Amino acid sequence: MEDIFRLVLSLGGTISGEHGIGTAKMPYIGMELSPAAIDVMRRIKQVLDPKGVLNPGKIFPKDRVEN
């Protein structure tokens, strides 16, 4: 999957799909987004979902794959 995502990104695509990032793509989101961008998204989610009940464990990677 990593090779496919690298190719997609090199062609100007995105690894996010119609329904966002799921558990299969989650480990690779760091290939597309910077740690700062992921942190901003995490903080926005925390404000909108302080109890963590919306898609728990399915949005942000625990371990990012870097460029």
C-alpha atoms as a PDB file:
ATOM      1  CA  MET A   1       0.000   0.000   0.000  1.00  0.00           C
ATOM      2  CA  GLU A   2       2.817   2.394   0.792  1.00  0.00           C
ATOM      3  CA  ASP A   3       4.194   2.140  -2.757  1.00  0.00           C
ATOM      4  CA  ILE A   4       0.746   2.815  -4.214  1.00  0.00           C
ATOM      5  CA  PHE A   5       0.231   5.847  -1.973  1.00  0.00           C
ATOM      6  CA  ARG A   6       3.662   7.229  -2.869  1.00  0.00           C
ATOM      7  CA  LEU A   7       2.763   6.925  -6.558  1.00  0.00           C
ATOM      8  CA  VAL A   8      -0.653   8.536  -6.029  1.00  0.00           C
ATOM      9  CA  LEU A   9       0.889  11.451  -4.140  1.00  0.00           C
ATOM     10  CA  SER A  10       3.638  11.887  -6.750  1.00  0.00           C
ATOM     11  CA  LEU A  11       0.915  12.235  -9.378  1.00  0.00           C
ATOM     12  CA  GLY A  12      -0.836  14.969  -7.386  1.00  0.00           C
ATOM     13  CA  GLY A  13      -3.505  12.747  -5.861  1.00  0.00           C
ATOM     14  CA  THR A  14      -4.571  12.224  -2.287  1.00  0.00           C
ATOM     15  CA  ILE A  15      -4.844   9.153  -0.121  1.00  0.00           C
ATOM     16  CA  SER A  16      -8.079  10.426   1.383  1.00  0.00           C
ATOM     17  CA  GLY A  17     -11.230   9.060  -0.158  1.00  0.00           C
ATOM     18  CA  GLU A  18     -14.869  10.023  -0.237  1.00  0.00           C
ATOM     19  CA  HIS A  19     -15.267   8.947   3.378  1.00  0.00           C
ATOM     20  CA  GLY A  20     -11.940  10.271   4.599  1.00  0.00           C
ATOM     21  CA  ILE A  21      -9.183   8.254   6.198  1.00  0.00           C
ATOM     22  CA  GLY A  22     -10.088   4.809   7.452  1.00  0.00           C
ATOM     23  CA  THR A  23      -8.147   2.257   9.406  1.00  0.00           C
ATOM     24  CA  ALA A  24      -6.333   0.929   6.308  1.00  0.00           C
ATOM     25  CA  LYS A  25      -5.086   4.372   5.241  1.00  0.00           C
ATOM     26  CA  MET A  26      -4.527   5.802   8.719  1.00  0.00           C
ATOM     27  CA  PRO A  27      -0.875   4.700   9.074  1.00  0.00           C
ATOM     28  CA  TYR A  28      -0.009   6.491   5.811  1.00  0.00           C
ATOM     29  CA  ILE A  29      -1.617   9.908   6.340  1.00  0.00           C
ATOM     30  CA  GLY A  30       1.768  11.285   7.452  1.00  0.00           C
ATOM     31  CA  MET A  31       2.959  10.792   3.883  1.00  0.00           C
ATOM     32  CA  GLU A  32       0.519  13.487   2.767  1.00  0.00           C
ATOM     33  CA  LEU A  33       0.011  15.758   5.762  1.00  0.00           C
ATOM     34  CA  SER A  34       2.569  17.411   7.982  1.00  0.00           C
ATOM     35  CA  PRO A  35       2.636  16.726  11.720  1.00  0.00           C
ATOM     36  CA  ALA A  36       1.413  20.315  12.232  1.00  0.00           C
ATOM     37  CA  ALA A  37      -1.611  19.770   9.965  1.00  0.00           C
ATOM     38  CA  ILE A  38      -2.487  16.531  11.746  1.00  0.00           C
ATOM     39  CA  ASP A  39      -2.156  18.291  15.101  1.00  0.00           C
ATOM     40  CA  VAL A  40      -4.557  21.055  14.002  1.00  0.00           C
ATOM     41  CA  MET A  41      -7.073  18.420  12.873  1.00  0.00           C
ATOM     42  CA  ARG A  42      -6.685  16.564  16.175  1.00  0.00           C
ATOM     43  CA  ARG A  43      -7.327  19.761  18.129  1.00  0.00           C
ATOM     44  CA  ILE A  44     -10.402  20.631  16.060  1.00  0.00           C
ATOM     45  CA  LYS A  45     -11.783  17.133  16.639  1.00  0.00           C
ATOM     46  CA  GLN A  46     -11.126  17.487  20.369  1.00  0.00           C
ATOM     47  CA  VAL A  47     -13.209  20.687  20.449  1.00  0.00           C
ATOM     48  CA  LEU A  48     -16.064  19.181  18.416  1.00  0.00           C
ATOM     49  CA  ASP A  49     -15.915  15.725  20.032  1.00  0.00           C
ATOM     50  CA  PRO A  50     -14.473  16.139  23.542  1.00  0.00           C
ATOM     51  CA  LYS A  51     -15.661  12.694  24.650  1.00  0.00           C
ATOM     52  CA  GLY A  52     -14.153  10.983  21.608  1.00  0.00           C
ATOM     53  CA  VAL A  53     -17.361   9.170  20.642  1.00  0.00           C
ATOM     54  CA  LEU A  54     -17.305   9.986  16.899  1.00  0.00           C
ATOM     55  CA  ASN A  55     -15.257   7.419  14.966  1.00  0.00           C
ATOM     56  CA  PRO A  56     -13.029   6.512  17.909  1.00  0.00           C
ATOM     57  CA  GLY A  57      -9.611   5.303  16.812  1.00  0.00           C
ATOM     58  CA  LYS A  58     -10.361   5.761  13.113  1.00  0.00           C
ATOM     59  CA  ILE A  59      -9.148   9.228  12.221  1.00  0.00           C
ATOM     60  CA  PHE A  60      -5.602   9.820  13.404  1.00  0.00           C
ATOM     61  CA  PRO A  61      -2.582   7.570  13.144  1.00  0.00           C
ATOM     62  CA  LYS A  62      -0.790   6.375  16.222  1.00  0.00           C
ATOM     63  CA  ASP A  63       2.440   5.967  14.245  1.00  0.00           C
ATOM     64  CA  ARG A  64       2.927   8.125  11.137  1.00  0.00           C
ATOM     65  CA  VAL A  65       4.765   7.111   8.012  1.00  0.00           C
ATOM     66  CA  GLU A  66       7.007  10.018   7.112  1.00  0.00           C
ATOM     67  CA  ASN A  67       7.949  11.183   3.612  1.00  0.00           C
END
